[in-house]
Protein backbone atom coordinates (compact mmCIF):
# COMPACT_ATOMS: atom_id res chain seq x y z
CA GLY A 1 28.08 1.46 13.09
CA THR A 2 25.31 2.68 10.88
CA PHE A 3 24.35 -0.48 9.21
CA ASN A 4 24.24 -2.20 12.51
CA MET A 5 21.73 0.62 13.82
CA LEU A 6 19.83 0.46 10.77
CA MET A 7 19.70 -3.34 10.51
CA LYS A 8 18.29 -3.43 14.09
CA TYR A 9 15.72 -0.88 13.75
CA ILE A 10 14.04 -2.75 10.36
CA HIS A 11 14.55 -6.22 12.27
CA GLU A 12 12.63 -4.66 15.35
CA HIS A 13 10.34 -3.07 13.08
CA PHE A 14 9.60 -6.19 11.22
CA ALA A 15 9.37 -8.22 14.25
CA ARG A 16 6.54 -6.05 15.66
CA GLU A 17 4.67 -6.24 12.09
CA GLU A 18 5.06 -9.84 12.21
CA GLN A 19 3.52 -10.07 15.94
CA LEU A 20 0.35 -7.45 14.60
CA MET A 21 -0.32 -9.66 11.75
CA SER A 22 0.17 -12.93 13.56
CA GLU A 23 -2.39 -11.76 16.37
CA ALA A 24 -4.77 -10.54 13.97
CA GLY A 25 -4.84 -13.99 12.14
CA TYR A 26 -3.87 -11.94 8.38
CA VAL A 27 -4.12 -14.75 5.95
CA GLY A 28 -1.32 -13.20 3.70
CA PHE A 29 1.33 -13.27 6.71
CA GLU A 30 3.52 -16.06 5.45
CA GLU A 31 3.87 -14.09 2.23
CA HIS A 32 4.58 -10.69 4.07
CA LYS A 33 6.78 -12.53 6.32
CA ARG A 34 8.62 -13.96 3.43
CA LEU A 35 9.41 -10.27 1.57
CA HIS A 36 11.13 -9.28 5.22
CA MET A 37 13.19 -12.23 5.12
CA ILE A 38 14.27 -11.46 1.34
CA PHE A 39 14.83 -7.62 2.51
CA MET A 40 17.27 -8.69 5.37
CA SER A 41 18.88 -11.07 3.06
CA ALA A 42 19.59 -8.12 0.69
CA PHE A 43 20.13 -5.70 3.48
CA PHE A 44 22.92 -8.24 5.12
CA THR A 45 24.68 -8.67 1.55
CA THR A 46 24.92 -4.97 1.04
CA LYS A 47 26.35 -4.69 4.57
CA GLN A 48 28.93 -7.10 3.99
CA SER A 49 29.85 -5.50 0.64
CA TYR A 50 30.39 -2.37 2.48
CA THR A 51 32.67 -4.13 4.92
CA ALA A 52 34.89 -5.52 2.52
CA ALA A 53 35.15 -2.43 0.55
CA PRO A 54 33.88 0.69 1.84
CA ARG A 55 35.81 2.87 -0.43
CA GLN A 56 33.64 1.31 -3.48
CA PHE A 57 30.49 1.22 -1.87
CA ASP A 58 27.89 3.10 -3.57
CA PHE A 59 26.15 4.86 -1.01
CA ASP A 60 23.79 6.76 -3.38
CA ALA A 61 22.51 3.48 -5.00
CA PHE A 62 22.32 1.68 -1.40
CA LEU A 63 19.81 4.78 -0.64
CA LYS A 64 17.72 4.62 -3.68
CA PHE A 65 17.63 1.02 -3.02
CA LEU A 66 16.35 1.31 0.69
CA LYS A 67 13.85 4.23 -0.23
CA ASN A 68 12.44 2.62 -3.09
CA TRP A 69 12.02 -0.90 -1.14
CA LEU A 70 10.51 0.81 1.94
CA GLU A 71 8.44 3.28 0.00
CA HIS A 72 6.87 0.28 -1.95
CA HIS A 73 6.60 -2.04 1.25
CA VAL A 74 4.69 0.28 3.60
CA LEU A 75 2.81 1.94 0.66
CA VAL A 76 1.98 -1.43 -1.33
CA GLU A 77 2.57 -4.13 1.24
CA ASP A 78 1.98 -3.03 4.59
CA ILE A 79 -1.47 -1.32 3.85
CA LYS A 80 -2.89 -4.64 2.92
CA TYR A 81 -2.72 -6.13 6.69
CA VAL A 82 -3.66 -2.63 8.11
CA PRO A 83 -7.58 -3.27 7.86
CA HIS A 84 -6.96 -6.94 9.58
CA VAL A 85 -5.30 -5.50 12.24
CA ARG A 86 -7.68 -2.89 12.89
CA SER A 87 -10.78 -4.64 12.97
CA GLY A 88 -9.43 -8.15 14.08
CA LYS A 89 -10.93 -9.98 11.83
CA HIS A 90 -9.09 -12.40 9.48
């Protein structure tokens, strides 16, 4: 379903990011990877909540969580590694 498709997309996105950071020798790689793992864990827990009780699932809260996390991650965390990847500098 939708959760599985979204989880697959996010996992693939994170894998591409991690490959770029690793190849560029980005010094913040391990911390950034840890943030990805935390998010995937929270996402998986949310998916389990939905599976267990779909009628009680708060989609608005989930969408807000997803929007806030991804906005912060892209605008704050991802921006940190972009110059390293572009320049190839460590």
